[in-house]
Amino acid sequence: MEDARGRSKAAAPADDGVTRVIFDELDDDFVLAWLVVTNTSSKGKVFTLTDVKMTVGRSDHERPVDIDLRNDRSVSRGAQAVVIYDPLNKKFLLQSLGGKTFVYLNRELVLTYSELRPYDTLRLGETEMVFVPFCTEKFSW
């Protein structure tokens, strides 16, 4: 049996005698938010946030990251920050991971967690990105 998105599902009886549908696997990436580069040679590039924790930095073969700012040589290799989605409170957070590259939110240095708000500006190295949430108090997966 498949749902409307083509994912397999199975009917499973619960202890209370009610049959509920459970999904075997969630193959689709559910959009949570976007980061849009607003400067540098990567201007206009969009990074889609699809997981509750996504690392930001510059990848190499030993230190991969989810959001790779590979064109910005001023960003240190490896994860420099993480964007977190808290599904219970429907909030996004930005955390510096203490790398060599400073992390800024609206031109303020991030030393611990900072809450992200719609259209906030993140900066790592020379790259500036605007945060655009899809999941908010009005909608969330």
N, C-alpha and C. Protein backbone atom coordinates (compact mmCIF):
# COMPACT_ATOMS: atom_id res chain seq x y z
N MET A 1 0.85 -1.17 0.00
CA MET A 1 0.00 0.00 0.00
C MET A 1 0.90 1.24 0.00
N GLU A 2 0.53 2.29 -0.76
CA GLU A 2 1.31 3.52 -0.82
C GLU A 2 0.42 4.70 -0.51
N ASP A 3 1.05 5.76 0.03
CA ASP A 3 0.30 6.99 0.27
C ASP A 3 0.35 7.85 -0.99
N ALA A 4 -0.16 9.09 -0.88
CA ALA A 4 -0.22 9.98 -2.04
C ALA A 4 1.16 10.36 -2.57
N ARG A 5 2.19 10.29 -1.74
CA ARG A 5 3.55 10.63 -2.16
C ARG A 5 4.31 9.42 -2.69
N GLY A 6 3.66 8.24 -2.68
CA GLY A 6 4.32 7.04 -3.18
C GLY A 6 5.14 6.32 -2.12
N ARG A 7 5.02 6.72 -0.88
CA ARG A 7 5.75 6.06 0.20
C ARG A 7 4.97 4.82 0.61
N SER A 8 5.69 3.77 1.00
CA SER A 8 5.01 2.57 1.44
C SER A 8 4.48 2.79 2.85
N LYS A 9 3.34 2.18 3.10
CA LYS A 9 2.75 2.29 4.42
C LYS A 9 2.08 0.96 4.76
N ALA A 10 1.87 0.75 6.02
CA ALA A 10 1.23 -0.47 6.46
C ALA A 10 0.24 -0.13 7.55
N ALA A 11 -0.86 -0.84 7.58
CA ALA A 11 -1.84 -0.65 8.64
C ALA A 11 -1.41 -1.49 9.82
N ALA A 12 -1.42 -0.89 11.00
CA ALA A 12 -1.00 -1.61 12.20
C ALA A 12 -2.01 -1.38 13.31
N PRO A 13 -2.48 -2.46 13.93
CA PRO A 13 -3.42 -2.27 15.03
C PRO A 13 -2.71 -1.75 16.27
N ALA A 14 -3.31 -0.81 16.95
CA ALA A 14 -2.76 -0.30 18.20
C ALA A 14 -3.34 -1.11 19.35
N ASP A 15 -2.80 -0.95 20.53
CA ASP A 15 -3.27 -1.67 21.70
C ASP A 15 -4.72 -1.35 22.03
N ASP A 16 -5.19 -0.18 21.61
CA ASP A 16 -6.56 0.23 21.93
C ASP A 16 -7.57 -0.27 20.90
N GLY A 17 -7.13 -1.13 19.96
CA GLY A 17 -8.03 -1.70 18.98
C GLY A 17 -8.23 -0.83 17.75
N VAL A 18 -7.62 0.35 17.70
CA VAL A 18 -7.77 1.25 16.57
C VAL A 18 -6.64 0.97 15.59
N THR A 19 -6.96 0.91 14.30
CA THR A 19 -5.94 0.70 13.29
C THR A 19 -5.40 2.05 12.85
N ARG A 20 -4.07 2.16 12.87
CA ARG A 20 -3.41 3.39 12.46
C ARG A 20 -2.47 3.09 11.31
N VAL A 21 -2.20 4.09 10.49
CA VAL A 21 -1.27 3.93 9.37
C VAL A 21 0.11 4.36 9.84
N ILE A 22 1.11 3.52 9.58
CA ILE A 22 2.49 3.87 9.92
C ILE A 22 3.31 3.84 8.63
N PHE A 23 4.28 4.72 8.52
CA PHE A 23 5.12 4.79 7.34
C PHE A 23 6.40 3.99 7.60
N ASP A 24 6.72 3.10 6.63
CA ASP A 24 7.93 2.31 6.76
C ASP A 24 9.16 3.20 6.69
N GLU A 25 9.19 4.08 5.70
CA GLU A 25 10.32 4.99 5.53
C GLU A 25 9.82 6.32 5.00
N LEU A 26 10.45 7.38 5.43
CA LEU A 26 10.16 8.69 4.86
C LEU A 26 11.26 8.98 3.86
N ASP A 27 11.02 8.65 2.60
CA ASP A 27 12.03 8.84 1.57
C ASP A 27 12.19 10.29 1.17
N ASP A 28 11.12 11.06 1.32
CA ASP A 28 11.16 12.46 0.90
C ASP A 28 11.87 13.31 1.93
N ASP A 29 12.55 14.33 1.44
CA ASP A 29 13.12 15.33 2.33
C ASP A 29 12.07 16.41 2.53
N PHE A 30 11.71 16.64 3.75
CA PHE A 30 10.71 17.65 4.05
C PHE A 30 11.40 18.99 4.27
N VAL A 31 10.99 20.00 3.55
CA VAL A 31 11.59 21.33 3.64
C VAL A 31 11.23 21.95 4.98
N LEU A 32 12.24 22.42 5.69
CA LEU A 32 12.04 23.14 6.94
C LEU A 32 12.29 24.63 6.75
N ALA A 33 13.31 24.97 5.95
CA ALA A 33 13.70 26.37 5.72
C ALA A 33 14.72 26.41 4.60
N TRP A 34 15.13 27.62 4.26
CA TRP A 34 16.16 27.82 3.25
C TRP A 34 17.17 28.84 3.76
N LEU A 35 18.40 28.71 3.29
CA LEU A 35 19.43 29.73 3.43
C LEU A 35 19.79 30.18 2.02
N VAL A 36 19.72 31.48 1.78
CA VAL A 36 19.97 32.02 0.45
C VAL A 36 21.20 32.92 0.52
N VAL A 37 22.21 32.62 -0.28
CA VAL A 37 23.43 33.42 -0.32
C VAL A 37 23.12 34.75 -1.01
N THR A 38 23.54 35.86 -0.37
CA THR A 38 23.22 37.19 -0.91
C THR A 38 24.44 37.96 -1.40
N ASN A 39 25.62 37.35 -1.33
CA ASN A 39 26.81 38.04 -1.81
C ASN A 39 27.80 37.01 -2.34
N THR A 40 28.99 37.38 -2.59
CA THR A 40 30.09 36.55 -3.13
C THR A 40 29.71 35.98 -4.49
N SER A 41 30.58 35.13 -5.02
CA SER A 41 30.32 34.53 -6.33
C SER A 41 29.18 33.52 -6.28
N SER A 42 28.75 33.14 -5.10
CA SER A 42 27.65 32.19 -4.94
C SER A 42 26.30 32.89 -4.76
N LYS A 43 26.24 34.19 -5.00
CA LYS A 43 25.00 34.96 -4.82
C LYS A 43 23.84 34.26 -5.52
N GLY A 44 22.71 34.09 -4.78
CA GLY A 44 21.53 33.45 -5.32
C GLY A 44 21.46 31.96 -5.07
N LYS A 45 22.55 31.36 -4.62
CA LYS A 45 22.54 29.92 -4.32
C LYS A 45 21.63 29.68 -3.13
N VAL A 46 20.82 28.62 -3.22
CA VAL A 46 19.86 28.28 -2.17
C VAL A 46 20.25 26.95 -1.54
N PHE A 47 20.32 26.95 -0.22
CA PHE A 47 20.54 25.72 0.53
C PHE A 47 19.23 25.38 1.24
N THR A 48 18.71 24.19 1.01
CA THR A 48 17.45 23.76 1.61
C THR A 48 17.74 23.00 2.90
N LEU A 49 17.13 23.45 3.98
CA LEU A 49 17.27 22.77 5.27
C LEU A 49 16.20 21.70 5.34
N THR A 50 16.62 20.43 5.44
CA THR A 50 15.69 19.31 5.42
C THR A 50 15.86 18.39 6.63
N ASP A 51 16.72 18.75 7.55
CA ASP A 51 16.95 17.93 8.73
C ASP A 51 16.95 18.84 9.95
N VAL A 52 16.68 18.27 11.13
CA VAL A 52 16.59 19.09 12.34
C VAL A 52 17.95 19.63 12.79
N LYS A 53 19.04 19.04 12.32
CA LYS A 53 20.39 19.56 12.60
C LYS A 53 21.18 19.49 11.31
N MET A 54 21.64 20.66 10.85
CA MET A 54 22.45 20.70 9.63
C MET A 54 23.68 21.58 9.87
N THR A 55 24.83 21.02 9.54
CA THR A 55 26.09 21.72 9.74
C THR A 55 26.40 22.64 8.57
N VAL A 56 27.11 23.73 8.89
CA VAL A 56 27.50 24.72 7.88
C VAL A 56 29.01 24.91 7.99
N GLY A 57 29.66 24.93 6.86
CA GLY A 57 31.11 25.13 6.84
C GLY A 57 31.65 24.90 5.45
N ARG A 58 32.88 24.37 5.39
CA ARG A 58 33.50 24.05 4.10
C ARG A 58 33.99 22.61 4.16
N SER A 59 33.44 21.79 3.28
CA SER A 59 33.74 20.36 3.28
C SER A 59 35.13 20.07 2.74
N ASP A 60 35.70 19.00 3.25
CA ASP A 60 36.81 18.33 2.60
C ASP A 60 36.58 16.83 2.78
N HIS A 61 37.46 16.02 2.28
CA HIS A 61 37.22 14.57 2.31
C HIS A 61 37.18 14.00 3.71
N GLU A 62 37.77 14.65 4.68
CA GLU A 62 37.77 14.15 6.06
C GLU A 62 36.69 14.78 6.93
N ARG A 63 36.20 15.95 6.53
CA ARG A 63 35.22 16.68 7.35
C ARG A 63 34.06 17.19 6.48
N PRO A 64 33.13 16.31 6.14
CA PRO A 64 31.99 16.76 5.32
C PRO A 64 31.02 17.61 6.15
N VAL A 65 30.31 18.49 5.47
CA VAL A 65 29.28 19.32 6.10
C VAL A 65 28.02 19.25 5.24
N ASP A 66 26.88 19.60 5.84
CA ASP A 66 25.62 19.57 5.11
C ASP A 66 25.47 20.76 4.16
N ILE A 67 25.88 21.93 4.61
CA ILE A 67 25.80 23.15 3.81
C ILE A 67 27.23 23.59 3.54
N ASP A 68 27.67 23.33 2.32
CA ASP A 68 29.08 23.49 1.95
C ASP A 68 29.32 24.83 1.28
N LEU A 69 30.07 25.69 1.97
CA LEU A 69 30.43 27.00 1.43
C LEU A 69 31.79 26.89 0.73
N ARG A 70 31.89 25.94 -0.17
CA ARG A 70 33.17 25.57 -0.80
C ARG A 70 33.83 26.70 -1.58
N ASN A 71 33.06 27.67 -2.05
CA ASN A 71 33.65 28.76 -2.83
C ASN A 71 34.23 29.87 -1.97
N ASP A 72 34.04 29.79 -0.66
CA ASP A 72 34.54 30.82 0.25
C ASP A 72 35.76 30.28 1.00
N ARG A 73 36.93 30.62 0.52
CA ARG A 73 38.18 30.13 1.12
C ARG A 73 38.46 30.74 2.49
N SER A 74 37.69 31.76 2.89
CA SER A 74 37.87 32.35 4.22
C SER A 74 37.14 31.54 5.30
N VAL A 75 36.34 30.56 4.88
CA VAL A 75 35.67 29.67 5.83
C VAL A 75 36.58 28.47 6.08
N SER A 76 36.85 28.19 7.35
CA SER A 76 37.71 27.06 7.69
C SER A 76 37.05 25.75 7.29
N ARG A 77 37.88 24.75 7.05
CA ARG A 77 37.35 23.43 6.69
C ARG A 77 36.65 22.79 7.88
N GLY A 78 35.62 22.04 7.57
CA GLY A 78 34.85 21.37 8.60
C GLY A 78 33.66 22.20 9.03
N ALA A 79 32.89 21.65 9.95
CA ALA A 79 31.67 22.33 10.43
C ALA A 79 32.04 23.50 11.32
N GLN A 80 31.51 24.67 11.00
CA GLN A 80 31.75 25.88 11.77
C GLN A 80 30.52 26.29 12.57
N ALA A 81 29.35 25.85 12.10
CA ALA A 81 28.08 26.19 12.76
C ALA A 81 27.08 25.08 12.50
N VAL A 82 26.01 25.09 13.26
CA VAL A 82 24.91 24.16 13.03
C VAL A 82 23.61 24.95 13.14
N VAL A 83 22.68 24.66 12.20
CA VAL A 83 21.33 25.21 12.26
C VAL A 83 20.43 24.10 12.78
N ILE A 84 19.68 24.40 13.81
CA ILE A 84 18.85 23.41 14.50
C ILE A 84 17.40 23.83 14.40
N TYR A 85 16.53 22.85 14.08
CA TYR A 85 15.09 23.09 14.13
C TYR A 85 14.53 22.34 15.33
N ASP A 86 13.88 23.05 16.22
CA ASP A 86 13.24 22.46 17.40
C ASP A 86 11.76 22.25 17.06
N PRO A 87 11.36 21.01 16.72
CA PRO A 87 9.97 20.80 16.28
C PRO A 87 8.94 20.96 17.39
N LEU A 88 9.33 20.76 18.64
CA LEU A 88 8.39 20.91 19.74
C LEU A 88 7.98 22.38 19.90
N ASN A 89 8.95 23.28 19.87
CA ASN A 89 8.68 24.71 20.05
C ASN A 89 8.59 25.46 18.73
N LYS A 90 8.81 24.76 17.62
CA LYS A 90 8.75 25.35 16.28
C LYS A 90 9.65 26.58 16.16
N LYS A 91 10.92 26.37 16.54
CA LYS A 91 11.91 27.44 16.49
C LYS A 91 13.17 26.93 15.82
N PHE A 92 13.90 27.85 15.22
CA PHE A 92 15.20 27.56 14.64
C PHE A 92 16.27 28.23 15.50
N LEU A 93 17.40 27.54 15.63
CA LEU A 93 18.52 28.05 16.41
C LEU A 93 19.79 27.96 15.58
N LEU A 94 20.71 28.85 15.85
CA LEU A 94 22.02 28.84 15.23
C LEU A 94 23.04 28.70 16.34
N GLN A 95 23.99 27.78 16.15
CA GLN A 95 25.04 27.59 17.16
C GLN A 95 26.40 27.58 16.48
N SER A 96 27.33 28.32 17.04
CA SER A 96 28.71 28.25 16.60
C SER A 96 29.31 26.97 17.15
N LEU A 97 30.12 26.29 16.35
CA LEU A 97 30.75 25.06 16.81
C LEU A 97 32.19 25.29 17.27
N GLY A 98 32.55 26.56 17.43
CA GLY A 98 33.86 26.88 17.98
C GLY A 98 35.00 26.66 17.02
N GLY A 99 34.73 26.67 15.73
CA GLY A 99 35.79 26.51 14.73
C GLY A 99 36.61 27.78 14.60
N LYS A 100 37.49 27.78 13.63
CA LYS A 100 38.36 28.94 13.40
C LYS A 100 37.61 30.12 12.78
N THR A 101 36.48 29.84 12.13
CA THR A 101 35.71 30.89 11.47
C THR A 101 34.66 31.44 12.42
N PHE A 102 34.59 32.76 12.54
CA PHE A 102 33.55 33.38 13.35
C PHE A 102 32.20 33.23 12.66
N VAL A 103 31.16 33.10 13.48
CA VAL A 103 29.79 32.99 13.00
C VAL A 103 29.04 34.21 13.51
N TYR A 104 28.35 34.91 12.59
CA TYR A 104 27.62 36.11 12.95
C TYR A 104 26.14 35.95 12.61
N LEU A 105 25.32 36.53 13.43
CA LEU A 105 23.89 36.61 13.18
C LEU A 105 23.50 38.08 13.27
N ASN A 106 23.08 38.65 12.14
CA ASN A 106 22.74 40.07 12.08
C ASN A 106 23.88 40.93 12.61
N ARG A 107 25.09 40.58 12.19
CA ARG A 107 26.33 41.29 12.52
C ARG A 107 26.76 41.15 13.99
N GLU A 108 26.09 40.29 14.74
CA GLU A 108 26.47 40.03 16.14
C GLU A 108 27.14 38.67 16.22
N LEU A 109 28.25 38.60 16.91
CA LEU A 109 29.00 37.36 17.05
C LEU A 109 28.18 36.33 17.82
N VAL A 110 28.10 35.10 17.29
CA VAL A 110 27.38 34.01 17.95
C VAL A 110 28.38 33.21 18.76
N LEU A 111 28.18 33.18 20.06
CA LEU A 111 29.07 32.41 20.94
C LEU A 111 28.41 31.15 21.48
N THR A 112 27.09 31.19 21.62
CA THR A 112 26.35 30.00 22.06
C THR A 112 25.19 29.82 21.08
N TYR A 113 24.00 29.52 21.59
CA TYR A 113 22.82 29.42 20.74
C TYR A 113 22.20 30.79 20.54
N SER A 114 21.71 31.03 19.33
CA SER A 114 20.93 32.23 19.04
C SER A 114 19.71 31.80 18.25
N GLU A 115 18.56 32.36 18.58
CA GLU A 115 17.35 32.03 17.85
C GLU A 115 17.35 32.74 16.50
N LEU A 116 16.97 32.00 15.46
CA LEU A 116 16.85 32.57 14.12
C LEU A 116 15.42 33.04 13.88
N ARG A 117 15.29 34.20 13.31
CA ARG A 117 14.00 34.78 12.97
C ARG A 117 13.95 34.95 11.44
N PRO A 118 12.75 35.02 10.88
CA PRO A 118 12.65 35.18 9.43
C PRO A 118 13.47 36.36 8.92
N TYR A 119 14.23 36.10 7.88
CA TYR A 119 15.04 37.08 7.16
C TYR A 119 16.24 37.58 7.94
N ASP A 120 16.63 36.85 8.98
CA ASP A 120 17.90 37.14 9.65
C ASP A 120 19.05 36.88 8.68
N THR A 121 20.18 37.56 8.91
CA THR A 121 21.37 37.38 8.08
C THR A 121 22.44 36.63 8.87
N LEU A 122 22.90 35.52 8.30
CA LEU A 122 24.00 34.75 8.87
C LEU A 122 25.25 35.07 8.07
N ARG A 123 26.39 35.08 8.76
CA ARG A 123 27.65 35.32 8.05
C ARG A 123 28.71 34.36 8.57
N LEU A 124 29.32 33.65 7.65
CA LEU A 124 30.49 32.81 7.92
C LEU A 124 31.53 33.20 6.89
N GLY A 125 32.73 33.53 7.33
CA GLY A 125 33.75 34.00 6.39
C GLY A 125 33.25 35.23 5.69
N GLU A 126 33.30 35.21 4.36
CA GLU A 126 32.81 36.33 3.55
C GLU A 126 31.37 36.11 3.08
N THR A 127 30.81 34.93 3.37
CA THR A 127 29.49 34.57 2.84
C THR A 127 28.38 35.02 3.77
N GLU A 128 27.42 35.77 3.19
CA GLU A 128 26.22 36.16 3.92
C GLU A 128 25.03 35.42 3.34
N MET A 129 24.17 34.93 4.23
CA MET A 129 22.98 34.19 3.82
C MET A 129 21.77 34.70 4.58
N VAL A 130 20.64 34.75 3.90
CA VAL A 130 19.39 35.14 4.53
C VAL A 130 18.64 33.87 4.88
N PHE A 131 18.09 33.83 6.10
CA PHE A 131 17.33 32.69 6.60
C PHE A 131 15.85 32.89 6.26
N VAL A 132 15.26 31.90 5.56
CA VAL A 132 13.85 31.96 5.17
C VAL A 132 13.17 30.69 5.68
N PRO A 133 12.38 30.79 6.76
CA PRO A 133 11.75 29.58 7.30
C PRO A 133 10.50 29.18 6.52
N PHE A 134 10.27 27.88 6.44
CA PHE A 134 9.01 27.36 5.92
C PHE A 134 8.15 26.90 7.09
N CYS A 135 8.78 26.18 8.03
CA CYS A 135 8.06 25.74 9.22
C CYS A 135 8.08 26.87 10.25
N THR A 136 6.89 27.21 10.73
CA THR A 136 6.74 28.27 11.71
C THR A 136 5.63 27.85 12.68
N GLU A 137 5.20 28.79 13.52
CA GLU A 137 4.07 28.50 14.41
C GLU A 137 2.80 28.22 13.61
N LYS A 138 2.72 28.74 12.39
CA LYS A 138 1.54 28.55 11.56
C LYS A 138 1.52 27.21 10.84
N PHE A 139 2.70 26.61 10.59
CA PHE A 139 2.78 25.34 9.90
C PHE A 139 4.05 24.62 10.30
N SER A 140 3.93 23.33 10.48
CA SER A 140 5.10 22.49 10.70
C SER A 140 4.74 21.06 10.37
N TRP A 141 5.71 20.29 9.94
CA TRP A 141 5.46 18.88 9.62
C TRP A 141 5.17 18.11 10.88
